[in-house]
Amino acid sequence: MRKEIKQEQQAKVTIPLKAMRCLYGNPKEKKIVCEIDWSAIKSVNEPTTVDEMVMEGRMEYFAGELKGFESTRELMDDLNS
């Protein structure tokens, strides 16, 4: 039998103020465009669900934080470190 998982909290991200730099603000639309330092976000937020882990992987991919391995042994050594 399948159990339904109740989501008690919404996913959230903590952004340190020192990691943000505001680029543009539009008072009419109540919107602000900011630049955020990715490494600062990663330092204060640990993924807790599979969705958050997948999103973190996507963000690392788009940020160009990629690693290449020439053998399975190299990959396993990196994963175990």
PDB file of N, CA and C in Angstrom:
ATOM      1  N   MET A   1       0.835  -1.177   0.000  1.00  0.00           N
ATOM      2  CA  MET A   1       0.000   0.000   0.000  1.00  0.00           C
ATOM      3  C   MET A   1       0.885   1.248   0.000  1.00  0.00           C
ATOM      4  N   ARG A   2       0.528   2.209  -0.749  1.00  0.00           N
ATOM      5  CA  ARG A   2       1.322   3.431  -0.902  1.00  0.00           C
ATOM      6  C   ARG A   2       0.888   4.472   0.123  1.00  0.00           C
ATOM      7  N   LYS A   3       1.853   5.025   0.826  1.00  0.00           N
ATOM      8  CA  LYS A   3       1.556   6.072   1.803  1.00  0.00           C
ATOM      9  C   LYS A   3       1.738   7.437   1.165  1.00  0.00           C
ATOM     10  N   GLU A   4       0.866   8.351   1.518  1.00  0.00           N
ATOM     11  CA  GLU A   4       1.018   9.720   1.036  1.00  0.00           C
ATOM     12  C   GLU A   4       1.920  10.464   2.001  1.00  0.00           C
ATOM     13  N   ILE A   5       2.840  11.202   1.442  1.00  0.00           N
ATOM     14  CA  ILE A   5       3.751  11.994   2.259  1.00  0.00           C
ATOM     15  C   ILE A   5       3.204  13.410   2.335  1.00  0.00           C
ATOM     16  N   LYS A   6       2.981  13.861   3.535  1.00  0.00           N
ATOM     17  CA  LYS A   6       2.494  15.222   3.722  1.00  0.00           C
ATOM     18  C   LYS A   6       3.693  16.157   3.819  1.00  0.00           C
ATOM     19  N   GLN A   7       3.646  17.191   3.032  1.00  0.00           N
ATOM     20  CA  GLN A   7       4.736  18.159   3.048  1.00  0.00           C
ATOM     21  C   GLN A   7       4.400  19.219   4.090  1.00  0.00           C
ATOM     22  N   GLU A   8       5.152  19.189   5.191  1.00  0.00           N
ATOM     23  CA  GLU A   8       4.886  20.126   6.279  1.00  0.00           C
ATOM     24  C   GLU A   8       5.515  21.481   6.018  1.00  0.00           C
ATOM     25  N   GLN A   9       6.653  21.503   5.355  1.00  0.00           N
ATOM     26  CA  GLN A   9       7.329  22.753   5.085  1.00  0.00           C
ATOM     27  C   GLN A   9       7.599  22.886   3.595  1.00  0.00           C
ATOM     28  N   GLN A  10       7.563  24.106   3.131  1.00  0.00           N
ATOM     29  CA  GLN A  10       7.951  24.382   1.762  1.00  0.00           C
ATOM     30  C   GLN A  10       9.473  24.394   1.692  1.00  0.00           C
ATOM     31  N   ALA A  11      10.014  24.058   0.547  1.00  0.00           N
ATOM     32  CA  ALA A  11      11.460  24.146   0.359  1.00  0.00           C
ATOM     33  C   ALA A  11      11.864  25.606   0.448  1.00  0.00           C
ATOM     34  N   LYS A  12      12.981  25.872   1.097  1.00  0.00           N
ATOM     35  CA  LYS A  12      13.427  27.255   1.220  1.00  0.00           C
ATOM     36  C   LYS A  12      14.936  27.319   1.130  1.00  0.00           C
ATOM     37  N   VAL A  13      15.407  28.489   0.765  1.00  0.00           N
ATOM     38  CA  VAL A  13      16.827  28.744   0.613  1.00  0.00           C
ATOM     39  C   VAL A  13      17.173  29.956   1.454  1.00  0.00           C
ATOM     40  N   THR A  14      18.253  29.860   2.209  1.00  0.00           N
ATOM     41  CA  THR A  14      18.736  30.984   2.979  1.00  0.00           C
ATOM     42  C   THR A  14      19.797  31.698   2.157  1.00  0.00           C
ATOM     43  N   ILE A  15      19.620  33.004   1.990  1.00  0.00           N
ATOM     44  CA  ILE A  15      20.580  33.791   1.217  1.00  0.00           C
ATOM     45  C   ILE A  15      21.242  34.797   2.152  1.00  0.00           C
ATOM     46  N   PRO A  16      22.544  34.669   2.360  1.00  0.00           N
ATOM     47  CA  PRO A  16      23.239  35.655   3.194  1.00  0.00           C
ATOM     48  C   PRO A  16      23.216  37.032   2.515  1.00  0.00           C
ATOM     49  N   LEU A  17      22.999  38.075   3.289  1.00  0.00           N
ATOM     50  CA  LEU A  17      22.933  39.412   2.714  1.00  0.00           C
ATOM     51  C   LEU A  17      24.229  39.815   2.018  1.00  0.00           C
ATOM     52  N   LYS A  18      25.355  39.374   2.559  1.00  0.00           N
ATOM     53  CA  LYS A  18      26.634  39.740   1.940  1.00  0.00           C
ATOM     54  C   LYS A  18      26.835  39.053   0.587  1.00  0.00           C
ATOM     55  N   ALA A  19      26.004  38.050   0.274  1.00  0.00           N
ATOM     56  CA  ALA A  19      26.124  37.333  -0.993  1.00  0.00           C
ATOM     57  C   ALA A  19      25.309  37.979  -2.104  1.00  0.00           C
ATOM     58  N   MET A  20      24.467  38.972  -1.763  1.00  0.00           N
ATOM     59  CA  MET A  20      23.588  39.594  -2.747  1.00  0.00           C
ATOM     60  C   MET A  20      24.094  40.962  -3.179  1.00  0.00           C
ATOM     61  N   ARG A  21      23.874  41.237  -4.451  1.00  0.00           N
ATOM     62  CA  ARG A  21      24.145  42.571  -4.979  1.00  0.00           C
ATOM     63  C   ARG A  21      22.960  42.934  -5.861  1.00  0.00           C
ATOM     64  N   CYS A  22      22.229  43.963  -5.471  1.00  0.00           N
ATOM     65  CA  CYS A  22      21.046  44.362  -6.241  1.00  0.00           C
ATOM     66  C   CYS A  22      21.466  45.104  -7.506  1.00  0.00           C
ATOM     67  N   LEU A  23      20.874  44.701  -8.619  1.00  0.00           N
ATOM     68  CA  LEU A  23      21.209  45.288  -9.907  1.00  0.00           C
ATOM     69  C   LEU A  23      20.156  46.260 -10.404  1.00  0.00           C
ATOM     70  N   TYR A  24      18.882  45.976 -10.086  1.00  0.00           N
ATOM     71  CA  TYR A  24      17.800  46.765 -10.645  1.00  0.00           C
ATOM     72  C   TYR A  24      16.563  46.602  -9.774  1.00  0.00           C
ATOM     73  N   GLY A  25      15.798  47.643  -9.620  1.00  0.00           N
ATOM     74  CA  GLY A  25      14.538  47.574  -8.888  1.00  0.00           C
ATOM     75  C   GLY A  25      13.448  48.312  -9.627  1.00  0.00           C
ATOM     76  N   ASN A  26      12.243  47.749  -9.635  1.00  0.00           N
ATOM     77  CA  ASN A  26      11.102  48.377 -10.279  1.00  0.00           C
ATOM     78  C   ASN A  26       9.983  48.483  -9.250  1.00  0.00           C
ATOM     79  N   PRO A  27       9.783  49.672  -8.661  1.00  0.00           N
ATOM     80  CA  PRO A  27       8.760  49.832  -7.620  1.00  0.00           C
ATOM     81  C   PRO A  27       7.334  49.543  -8.101  1.00  0.00           C
ATOM     82  N   LYS A  28       7.037  49.842  -9.372  1.00  0.00           N
ATOM     83  CA  LYS A  28       5.684  49.602  -9.881  1.00  0.00           C
ATOM     84  C   LYS A  28       5.341  48.119  -9.866  1.00  0.00           C
ATOM     85  N   GLU A  29       6.275  47.295 -10.307  1.00  0.00           N
ATOM     86  CA  GLU A  29       6.027  45.855 -10.368  1.00  0.00           C
ATOM     87  C   GLU A  29       6.419  45.147  -9.083  1.00  0.00           C
ATOM     88  N   LYS A  30       7.012  45.897  -8.145  1.00  0.00           N
ATOM     89  CA  LYS A  30       7.472  45.340  -6.872  1.00  0.00           C
ATOM     90  C   LYS A  30       8.421  44.169  -7.097  1.00  0.00           C
ATOM     91  N   LYS A  31       9.413  44.404  -7.962  1.00  0.00           N
ATOM     92  CA  LYS A  31      10.394  43.376  -8.282  1.00  0.00           C
ATOM     93  C   LYS A  31      11.797  43.947  -8.151  1.00  0.00           C
ATOM     94  N   ILE A  32      12.719  43.099  -7.735  1.00  0.00           N
ATOM     95  CA  ILE A  32      14.124  43.455  -7.623  1.00  0.00           C
ATOM     96  C   ILE A  32      14.929  42.371  -8.329  1.00  0.00           C
ATOM     97  N   VAL A  33      15.917  42.790  -9.099  1.00  0.00           N
ATOM     98  CA  VAL A  33      16.818  41.850  -9.761  1.00  0.00           C
ATOM     99  C   VAL A  33      18.148  41.907  -9.015  1.00  0.00           C
ATOM    100  N   CYS A  34      18.590  40.745  -8.526  1.00  0.00           N
ATOM    101  CA  CYS A  34      19.821  40.684  -7.748  1.00  0.00           C
ATOM    102  C   CYS A  34      20.770  39.654  -8.341  1.00  0.00           C
ATOM    103  N   GLU A  35      22.047  39.878  -8.095  1.00  0.00           N
ATOM    104  CA  GLU A  35      23.076  38.912  -8.420  1.00  0.00           C
ATOM    105  C   GLU A  35      23.459  38.241  -7.108  1.00  0.00           C
ATOM    106  N   ILE A  36      23.503  36.905  -7.090  1.00  0.00           N
ATOM    107  CA  ILE A  36      23.765  36.172  -5.858  1.00  0.00           C
ATOM    108  C   ILE A  36      24.982  35.276  -6.042  1.00  0.00           C
ATOM    109  N   ASP A  37      25.891  35.322  -5.080  1.00  0.00           N
ATOM    110  CA  ASP A  37      27.098  34.497  -5.109  1.00  0.00           C
ATOM    111  C   ASP A  37      26.729  33.052  -4.782  1.00  0.00           C
ATOM    112  N   TRP A  38      26.920  32.159  -5.769  1.00  0.00           N
ATOM    113  CA  TRP A  38      26.523  30.756  -5.628  1.00  0.00           C
ATOM    114  C   TRP A  38      27.269  30.053  -4.494  1.00  0.00           C
ATOM    115  N   SER A  39      28.546  30.304  -4.340  1.00  0.00           N
ATOM    116  CA  SER A  39      29.311  29.624  -3.291  1.00  0.00           C
ATOM    117  C   SER A  39      28.832  30.016  -1.899  1.00  0.00           C
ATOM    118  N   ALA A  40      28.365  31.247  -1.727  1.00  0.00           N
ATOM    119  CA  ALA A  40      27.839  31.674  -0.427  1.00  0.00           C
ATOM    120  C   ALA A  40      26.531  30.955  -0.099  1.00  0.00           C
ATOM    121  N   ILE A  41      25.710  30.732  -1.100  1.00  0.00           N
ATOM    122  CA  ILE A  41      24.457  30.003  -0.877  1.00  0.00           C
ATOM    123  C   ILE A  41      24.753  28.559  -0.497  1.00  0.00           C
ATOM    124  N   LYS A  42      25.683  27.938  -1.213  1.00  0.00           N
ATOM    125  CA  LYS A  42      26.024  26.548  -0.916  1.00  0.00           C
ATOM    126  C   LYS A  42      26.595  26.389   0.489  1.00  0.00           C
ATOM    127  N   SER A  43      27.296  27.411   0.975  1.00  0.00           N
ATOM    128  CA  SER A  43      27.935  27.290   2.284  1.00  0.00           C
ATOM    129  C   SER A  43      26.930  27.293   3.436  1.00  0.00           C
ATOM    130  N   VAL A  44      25.733  27.848   3.238  1.00  0.00           N
ATOM    131  CA  VAL A  44      24.750  27.909   4.323  1.00  0.00           C
ATOM    132  C   VAL A  44      23.526  27.032   4.096  1.00  0.00           C
ATOM    133  N   ASN A  45      23.441  26.350   2.961  1.00  0.00           N
ATOM    134  CA  ASN A  45      22.282  25.513   2.658  1.00  0.00           C
ATOM    135  C   ASN A  45      22.718  24.106   2.291  1.00  0.00           C
ATOM    136  N   GLU A  46      22.253  23.146   3.045  1.00  0.00           N
ATOM    137  CA  GLU A  46      22.499  21.737   2.745  1.00  0.00           C
ATOM    138  C   GLU A  46      21.218  21.136   2.170  1.00  0.00           C
ATOM    139  N   PRO A  47      21.301  20.382   1.066  1.00  0.00           N
ATOM    140  CA  PRO A  47      20.098  19.771   0.514  1.00  0.00           C
ATOM    141  C   PRO A  47      19.544  18.699   1.450  1.00  0.00           C
ATOM    142  N   THR A  48      18.217  18.649   1.588  1.00  0.00           N
ATOM    143  CA  THR A  48      17.600  17.679   2.496  1.00  0.00           C
ATOM    144  C   THR A  48      16.638  16.738   1.784  1.00  0.00           C
ATOM    145  N   THR A  49      16.213  17.083   0.591  1.00  0.00           N
ATOM    146  CA  THR A  49      15.315  16.200  -0.160  1.00  0.00           C
ATOM    147  C   THR A  49      15.939  15.886  -1.511  1.00  0.00           C
ATOM    148  N   VAL A  50      15.411  14.883  -2.174  1.00  0.00           N
ATOM    149  CA  VAL A  50      15.925  14.493  -3.484  1.00  0.00           C
ATOM    150  C   VAL A  50      15.755  15.651  -4.473  1.00  0.00           C
ATOM    151  N   ASP A  51      14.626  16.347  -4.417  1.00  0.00           N
ATOM    152  CA  ASP A  51      14.398  17.477  -5.320  1.00  0.00           C
ATOM    153  C   ASP A  51      15.466  18.547  -5.140  1.00  0.00           C
ATOM    154  N   GLU A  52      15.812  18.840  -3.884  1.00  0.00           N
ATOM    155  CA  GLU A  52      16.838  19.848  -3.620  1.00  0.00           C
ATOM    156  C   GLU A  52      18.205  19.384  -4.108  1.00  0.00           C
ATOM    157  N   MET A  53      18.483  18.086  -3.969  1.00  0.00           N
ATOM    158  CA  MET A  53      19.767  17.550  -4.447  1.00  0.00           C
ATOM    159  C   MET A  53      19.859  17.625  -5.968  1.00  0.00           C
ATOM    160  N   VAL A  54      18.762  17.332  -6.647  1.00  0.00           N
ATOM    161  CA  VAL A  54      18.740  17.414  -8.102  1.00  0.00           C
ATOM    162  C   VAL A  54      18.929  18.863  -8.537  1.00  0.00           C
ATOM    163  N   MET A  55      18.245  19.793  -7.864  1.00  0.00           N
ATOM    164  CA  MET A  55      18.379  21.210  -8.217  1.00  0.00           C
ATOM    165  C   MET A  55      19.800  21.695  -7.970  1.00  0.00           C
ATOM    166  N   GLU A  56      20.423  21.242  -6.885  1.00  0.00           N
ATOM    167  CA  GLU A  56      21.808  21.624  -6.618  1.00  0.00           C
ATOM    168  C   GLU A  56      22.727  21.118  -7.727  1.00  0.00           C
ATOM    169  N   GLY A  57      22.492  19.900  -8.185  1.00  0.00           N
ATOM    170  CA  GLY A  57      23.278  19.356  -9.285  1.00  0.00           C
ATOM    171  C   GLY A  57      23.095  20.165 -10.563  1.00  0.00           C
ATOM    172  N   ARG A  58      21.871  20.580 -10.832  1.00  0.00           N
ATOM    173  CA  ARG A  58      21.613  21.394 -12.023  1.00  0.00           C
ATOM    174  C   ARG A  58      22.309  22.748 -11.924  1.00  0.00           C
ATOM    175  N   MET A  59      22.252  23.368 -10.746  1.00  0.00           N
ATOM    176  CA  MET A  59      22.904  24.658 -10.561  1.00  0.00           C
ATOM    177  C   MET A  59      24.413  24.531 -10.732  1.00  0.00           C
ATOM    178  N   GLU A  60      24.998  23.461 -10.210  1.00  0.00           N
ATOM    179  CA  GLU A  60      26.432  23.241 -10.379  1.00  0.00           C
ATOM    180  C   GLU A  60      26.764  23.050 -11.860  1.00  0.00           C
ATOM    181  N   TYR A  61      25.916  22.341 -12.579  1.00  0.00           N
ATOM    182  CA  TYR A  61      26.129  22.128 -14.015  1.00  0.00           C
ATOM    183  C   TYR A  61      26.101  23.459 -14.764  1.00  0.00           C
ATOM    184  N   PHE A  62      25.075  24.287 -14.490  1.00  0.00           N
ATOM    185  CA  PHE A  62      24.953  25.575 -15.173  1.00  0.00           C
ATOM    186  C   PHE A  62      26.072  26.532 -14.774  1.00  0.00           C
ATOM    187  N   ALA A  63      26.614  26.387 -13.554  1.00  0.00           N
ATOM    188  CA  ALA A  63      27.712  27.242 -13.100  1.00  0.00           C
ATOM    189  C   ALA A  63      29.060  26.766 -13.645  1.00  0.00           C
ATOM    190  N   GLY A  64      29.066  25.621 -14.320  1.00  0.00           N
ATOM    191  CA  GLY A  64      30.299  25.114 -14.912  1.00  0.00           C
ATOM    192  C   GLY A  64      31.183  24.360 -13.937  1.00  0.00           C
ATOM    193  N   GLU A  65      30.627  23.963 -12.795  1.00  0.00           N
ATOM    194  CA  GLU A  65      31.397  23.215 -11.798  1.00  0.00           C
ATOM    195  C   GLU A  65      31.314  21.724 -12.134  1.00  0.00           C
ATOM    196  N   LEU A  66      32.051  21.326 -13.152  1.00  0.00           N
ATOM    197  CA  LEU A  66      32.008  19.951 -13.626  1.00  0.00           C
ATOM    198  C   LEU A  66      33.345  19.267 -13.363  1.00  0.00           C
ATOM    199  N   LYS A  67      33.289  17.981 -13.169  1.00  0.00           N
ATOM    200  CA  LYS A  67      34.492  17.178 -13.023  1.00  0.00           C
ATOM    201  C   LYS A  67      34.439  16.071 -14.056  1.00  0.00           C
ATOM    202  N   GLY A  68      35.596  15.742 -14.607  1.00  0.00           N
ATOM    203  CA  GLY A  68      35.677  14.653 -15.559  1.00  0.00           C
ATOM    204  C   GLY A  68      36.562  13.541 -15.010  1.00  0.00           C
ATOM    205  N   PHE A  69      36.194  12.319 -15.296  1.00  0.00           N
ATOM    206  CA  PHE A  69      36.943  11.176 -14.797  1.00  0.00           C
ATOM    207  C   PHE A  69      37.252  10.248 -15.958  1.00  0.00           C
ATOM    208  N   GLU A  70      38.459   9.693 -15.944  1.00  0.00           N
ATOM    209  CA  GLU A  70      38.857   8.795 -17.019  1.00  0.00           C
ATOM    210  C   GLU A  70      38.641   7.333 -16.662  1.00  0.00           C
ATOM    211  N   SER A  71      38.351   7.047 -15.391  1.00  0.00           N
ATOM    212  CA  SER A  71      38.102   5.665 -15.004  1.00  0.00           C
ATOM    213  C   SER A  71      37.085   5.627 -13.873  1.00  0.00           C
ATOM    214  N   THR A  72      36.494   4.479 -13.694  1.00  0.00           N
ATOM    215  CA  THR A  72      35.535   4.289 -12.608  1.00  0.00           C
ATOM    216  C   THR A  72      36.218   4.436 -11.258  1.00  0.00           C
ATOM    217  N   ARG A  73      37.451   3.995 -11.161  1.00  0.00           N
ATOM    218  CA  ARG A  73      38.200   4.085  -9.902  1.00  0.00           C
ATOM    219  C   ARG A  73      38.371   5.550  -9.469  1.00  0.00           C
ATOM    220  N   GLU A  74      38.700   6.440 -10.433  1.00  0.00           N
ATOM    221  CA  GLU A  74      38.836   7.867 -10.121  1.00  0.00           C
ATOM    222  C   GLU A  74      37.528   8.433  -9.608  1.00  0.00           C
ATOM    223  N   LEU A  75      36.424   8.052 -10.241  1.00  0.00           N
ATOM    224  CA  LEU A  75      35.105   8.503  -9.809  1.00  0.00           C
ATOM    225  C   LEU A  75      34.809   8.014  -8.399  1.00  0.00           C
ATOM    226  N   MET A  76      35.049   6.744  -8.126  1.00  0.00           N
ATOM    227  CA  MET A  76      34.767   6.194  -6.804  1.00  0.00           C
ATOM    228  C   MET A  76      35.628   6.863  -5.733  1.00  0.00           C
ATOM    229  N   ASP A  77      36.900   7.109  -6.048  1.00  0.00           N
ATOM    230  CA  ASP A  77      37.779   7.786  -5.092  1.00  0.00           C
ATOM    231  C   ASP A  77      37.269   9.194  -4.771  1.00  0.00           C
ATOM    232  N   ASP A  78      36.785   9.904  -5.799  1.00  0.00           N
ATOM    233  CA  ASP A  78      36.249  11.250  -5.579  1.00  0.00           C
ATOM    234  C   ASP A  78      34.973  11.196  -4.755  1.00  0.00           C
ATOM    235  N   LEU A  79      34.091  10.238  -5.042  1.00  0.00           N
ATOM    236  CA  LEU A  79      32.836  10.129  -4.283  1.00  0.00           C
ATOM    237  C   LEU A  79      33.103   9.755  -2.825  1.00  0.00           C
ATOM    238  N   ASN A  80      34.111   8.985  -2.571  1.00  0.00           N
ATOM    239  CA  ASN A  80      34.427   8.571  -1.188  1.00  0.00           C
ATOM    240  C   ASN A  80      35.194   9.632  -0.414  1.00  0.00           C
ATOM    241  N   SER A  81      35.700  10.640  -1.088  1.00  0.00           N
ATOM    242  CA  SER A  81      36.473  11.672  -0.376  1.00  0.00           C
ATOM    243  C   SER A  81      35.587  12.718   0.257  1.00  0.00           C
TER     244      SER A  81
END
